[in-house]
C-alpha cells in the first residue's frame, strides 16, 4: 500500500531531500512502504542535473539548491503543490520512460477533474495548457503555458522527487529563471486560468487519479 503524507507547513528543501532519501532507503531494504508526500516549499529555485547557469536570471532572489533530479531550473514556492512519489519500480516495472509517462498521465487526469485540458509536448518537459486567449509566438505557433513541472530521480529502481502543480503561486517568481530551459512559452496556474481550486481540492483529485493511473 502507498502511504499518503501531507505537510501543512512549508517544508525546507534540504529537509524534504533528507526525508526522501530516508524513505527510499527504507523501501529498498523492505522496512518502509511506498509513499506520496504532498507539500509546499518556501520560495526557492532548484537546479537539476541538466541546469544551464545562464538560465538562472536572478541568482540572489531566492535560495538556489543543487539537486540530483533530472531536468533544469525549477521554481518551488507557496501556492504550488509538490507531490513527491517514492515508488518501487522493481514491482511496478523497471521502465523509466513508462514511469515518467505515468507521472504525466497522473497530472493530466488530475487537472481533467477540474475540466482543464492539459497536454504534453515532445521535447518539452512538463504539462502544458493551450492559451488561445494570448497572442501567438513570434514564429506564429500557438501560445501554451506550463502548469506542472516534472523531475525524477531513481536509485536502484526506487523513485523520488516527482511533480509540481501550480495552484496559486506568485507567477512573477518564475521570472528569475528560464523554467526548465524553455523560452517563449509562459507559466500559468489553476487560479490564473480562472479555476478557484484549493490545495485540498487538488489533493483529493491527486489521490483519486493516482489510484487510476498507478493502480495502487
Protein backbone atom coordinates (compact mmCIF):
# COMPACT_ATOMS: atom_id res chain seq x y z
CA UNK A 1 0.00 0.00 0.00
CA UNK A 2 1.09 3.54 -0.73
CA UNK A 3 1.23 5.84 2.29
CA UNK A 4 -0.05 9.37 1.71
CA UNK A 5 1.66 12.10 3.71
CA UNK A 6 0.52 15.73 3.75
CA UNK A 7 2.55 18.54 5.30
CA UNK A 8 0.56 21.62 6.23
CA UNK A 9 3.51 23.97 6.80
CA UNK A 10 6.07 24.73 4.06
CA UNK A 11 8.93 22.23 4.18
CA UNK A 12 12.53 23.47 3.70
CA UNK A 13 14.08 21.89 0.64
CA UNK A 14 17.03 20.22 2.43
CA UNK A 15 14.60 18.69 4.93
CA UNK A 16 12.49 17.27 2.12
CA UNK A 17 15.50 15.76 0.36
CA UNK A 18 16.72 14.14 3.59
CA UNK A 19 13.27 12.71 4.28
CA UNK A 20 13.03 11.33 0.74
CA UNK A 21 16.49 9.79 0.99
CA UNK A 22 15.49 8.03 4.21
CA UNK A 23 12.22 6.74 2.78
CA UNK A 24 13.90 5.49 -0.40
CA UNK A 25 16.48 3.62 1.67
CA UNK A 26 13.68 2.06 3.69
CA UNK A 27 11.81 0.97 0.57
CA UNK A 28 14.99 -0.61 -0.76
CA UNK A 29 15.50 -2.63 2.43
CA UNK A 30 11.85 -3.51 2.82
CA UNK A 31 11.44 -1.57 6.07
CA UNK A 32 9.25 1.22 4.66
CA UNK A 33 6.24 1.36 2.38
CA UNK A 34 5.91 3.33 -0.83
CA UNK A 35 4.75 6.89 -0.24
CA UNK A 36 3.44 10.02 -1.89
CA UNK A 37 4.28 13.19 0.01
CA UNK A 38 2.16 16.30 -0.62
CA UNK A 39 3.77 19.56 0.46
CA UNK A 40 4.71 23.13 -0.34
CA UNK A 41 8.17 24.66 -0.19
CA UNK A 42 9.25 28.17 0.77
CA UNK A 43 10.15 30.23 -2.29
CA UNK A 44 13.29 28.74 -3.87
CA UNK A 45 14.92 27.62 -7.08
CA UNK A 46 16.33 24.15 -7.73
CA UNK A 47 18.90 23.21 -10.35
CA UNK A 48 18.60 19.75 -11.87
CA UNK A 49 21.38 17.74 -13.42
CA UNK A 50 20.94 19.46 -16.81
CA UNK A 51 20.69 23.04 -15.48
CA UNK A 52 22.42 25.74 -17.55
CA UNK A 53 23.79 28.53 -15.29
CA UNK A 54 22.71 31.08 -17.90
CA UNK A 55 19.08 30.15 -17.16
CA UNK A 56 19.37 31.48 -13.60
CA UNK A 57 18.42 35.10 -14.26
CA UNK A 58 18.14 36.27 -10.65
CA UNK A 59 20.61 34.24 -8.57
CA UNK A 60 20.11 36.40 -5.48
CA UNK A 61 16.32 36.46 -5.48
CA UNK A 62 15.67 33.18 -3.66
CA UNK A 63 17.86 30.37 -2.30
CA UNK A 64 19.17 28.08 -5.04
CA UNK A 65 19.61 24.37 -4.35
CA UNK A 66 21.59 21.95 -6.46
CA UNK A 67 19.67 18.70 -6.79
CA UNK A 68 20.35 15.38 -8.44
CA UNK A 69 16.93 15.05 -10.01
CA UNK A 70 16.72 15.18 -13.77
CA UNK A 71 15.88 18.44 -15.52
CA UNK A 72 16.95 22.05 -15.38
CA UNK A 73 15.91 25.04 -13.22
CA UNK A 74 12.58 24.91 -11.41
CA UNK A 75 10.81 27.24 -9.02
CA UNK A 76 9.02 26.00 -5.90
CA UNK A 77 7.03 28.14 -3.52
CA UNK A 78 3.78 28.74 -1.64
CA UNK A 79 0.68 28.04 -3.70
CA UNK A 80 2.34 25.22 -5.61
CA UNK A 81 1.51 21.63 -4.74
CA UNK A 82 4.57 19.43 -4.81
CA UNK A 83 3.92 15.70 -4.91
CA UNK A 84 6.99 13.61 -4.20
CA UNK A 85 6.47 10.00 -5.27
CA UNK A 86 8.63 7.31 -3.68
CA UNK A 87 7.65 4.18 -5.55
CA UNK A 88 9.30 0.81 -6.12
CA UNK A 89 9.71 0.16 -9.82
CA UNK A 90 11.02 -3.30 -9.01
CA UNK A 91 7.37 -4.24 -8.51
CA UNK A 92 5.86 -1.71 -10.93
CA UNK A 93 8.06 -2.40 -13.95
CA UNK A 94 11.65 -1.27 -14.49
CA UNK A 95 10.88 1.21 -17.23
CA UNK A 96 11.93 4.82 -16.64
CA UNK A 97 10.15 6.19 -19.70
CA UNK A 98 6.92 4.45 -18.74
CA UNK A 99 7.20 5.85 -15.23
CA UNK A 100 7.58 9.42 -16.49
CA UNK A 101 4.61 8.88 -18.79
CA UNK A 102 2.62 7.70 -15.78
CA UNK A 103 3.52 10.88 -13.91
CA UNK A 104 2.38 12.96 -16.88
CA UNK A 105 -0.85 10.97 -17.11
CA UNK A 106 -1.39 11.44 -13.37
CA UNK A 107 -1.16 15.22 -13.66
CA UNK A 108 -3.33 15.34 -16.77
CA UNK A 109 -6.03 13.16 -15.19
CA UNK A 110 -5.94 15.27 -12.02
CA UNK A 111 -6.41 18.52 -13.92
CA UNK A 112 -9.19 16.96 -16.01
CA UNK A 113 -11.23 16.69 -12.80
CA UNK A 114 -11.45 20.49 -12.95
CA UNK A 115 -12.42 20.43 -16.63
CA UNK A 116 -8.96 21.60 -17.65
CA UNK A 117 -7.38 20.05 -20.72
CA UNK A 118 -3.64 19.69 -20.23
CA UNK A 119 -1.17 18.08 -22.59
CA UNK A 120 2.43 17.02 -23.03
CA UNK A 121 4.66 18.10 -25.90
CA UNK A 122 7.56 16.14 -27.46
CA UNK A 123 10.87 17.66 -26.47
CA UNK A 124 9.26 19.95 -23.89
CA UNK A 125 9.31 18.81 -20.28
CA UNK A 126 6.24 19.20 -18.10
CA UNK A 127 2.50 19.54 -18.63
CA UNK A 128 1.06 22.37 -20.71
CA UNK A 129 -2.26 24.10 -21.40
CA UNK A 130 -3.13 25.83 -24.68
CA UNK A 131 -3.67 29.59 -24.39
CA UNK A 132 -5.72 30.69 -27.42
CA UNK A 133 -6.59 33.82 -25.43
CA UNK A 134 -2.97 35.01 -25.74
CA UNK A 135 -1.13 36.22 -28.84
CA UNK A 136 0.84 33.54 -30.71
CA UNK A 137 4.62 33.35 -30.52
CA UNK A 138 6.72 35.35 -33.00
CA UNK A 139 7.03 32.31 -35.26
CA UNK A 140 3.24 32.05 -35.39
CA UNK A 141 2.96 28.93 -33.23
CA UNK A 142 0.15 28.89 -30.67
CA UNK A 143 0.97 30.05 -27.16
CA UNK A 144 0.99 27.41 -24.45
CA UNK A 145 1.69 27.85 -20.73
CA UNK A 146 3.25 25.38 -18.35
CA UNK A 147 1.12 24.38 -15.39
CA UNK A 148 3.16 21.50 -13.98
CA UNK A 149 6.82 20.53 -13.78
CA UNK A 150 8.19 17.00 -13.62
CA UNK A 151 11.59 15.96 -12.31
CA UNK A 152 12.57 12.49 -11.17
CA UNK A 153 15.45 10.58 -9.70
CA UNK A 154 15.67 6.81 -9.48
CA UNK A 155 18.03 4.82 -7.27
CA UNK A 156 18.09 1.04 -7.50
CA UNK A 157 14.69 1.30 -9.18
CA UNK A 158 13.10 3.28 -6.35
CA UNK A 159 11.82 6.72 -7.35
CA UNK A 160 11.90 10.07 -5.65
CA UNK A 161 11.18 13.73 -6.44
CA UNK A 162 8.09 13.93 -8.68
CA UNK A 163 5.69 16.64 -9.87
CA UNK A 164 4.83 20.24 -9.01
CA UNK A 165 1.43 21.68 -9.96
CA UNK A 166 0.76 25.41 -9.90
CA UNK A 167 -2.40 26.08 -7.89
CA UNK A 168 -1.96 29.72 -6.92
CA UNK A 169 1.75 30.61 -6.72
CA UNK A 170 3.12 34.09 -7.38
CA UNK A 171 3.82 33.64 -11.09
CA UNK A 172 6.27 36.56 -11.12
CA UNK A 173 8.64 34.36 -9.12
CA UNK A 174 9.23 32.29 -12.24
CA UNK A 175 10.82 35.34 -13.88
CA UNK A 176 14.08 34.67 -12.05
CA UNK A 177 14.77 31.56 -14.13
CA UNK A 178 14.16 30.11 -17.56
CA UNK A 179 11.81 27.37 -16.34
CA UNK A 180 13.16 24.01 -17.50
CA UNK A 181 15.28 25.85 -20.06
CA UNK A 182 12.24 26.62 -22.24
CA UNK A 183 11.83 30.17 -23.50
CA UNK A 184 8.91 31.76 -25.32
CA UNK A 185 6.07 29.97 -23.62
CA UNK A 186 4.87 31.11 -20.21
CA UNK A 187 3.76 29.71 -16.89
CA UNK A 188 0.23 29.55 -15.55
CA UNK A 189 -1.75 28.20 -12.60
CA UNK A 190 -5.22 26.91 -11.88
CA UNK A 191 -6.28 30.22 -10.34
CA UNK A 192 -4.65 32.19 -13.18
CA UNK A 193 -6.86 30.20 -15.55
CA UNK A 194 -9.95 31.24 -13.60
CA UNK A 195 -10.36 27.99 -11.68
CA UNK A 196 -10.78 28.69 -7.94
CA UNK A 197 -9.24 25.37 -6.89
CA UNK A 198 -7.95 24.99 -3.34
CA UNK A 199 -4.98 22.88 -2.30
CA UNK A 200 -7.39 20.49 -0.56
CA UNK A 201 -9.43 20.15 -3.77
CA UNK A 202 -6.29 19.29 -5.71
CA UNK A 203 -5.15 16.77 -3.13
CA UNK A 204 -8.42 14.86 -3.40
CA UNK A 205 -8.07 14.78 -7.19
CA UNK A 206 -4.42 13.70 -6.97
CA UNK A 207 -5.28 10.75 -4.75
CA UNK A 208 -8.18 9.65 -6.90
CA UNK A 209 -6.24 9.94 -10.16
CA UNK A 210 -3.19 8.21 -8.71
CA UNK A 211 -5.24 5.11 -7.99
CA UNK A 212 -6.46 5.06 -11.60
CA UNK A 213 -3.05 5.65 -13.21
CA UNK A 214 -0.74 3.69 -10.93
CA UNK A 215 -3.17 1.05 -9.65
CA UNK A 216 -2.06 1.36 -6.09
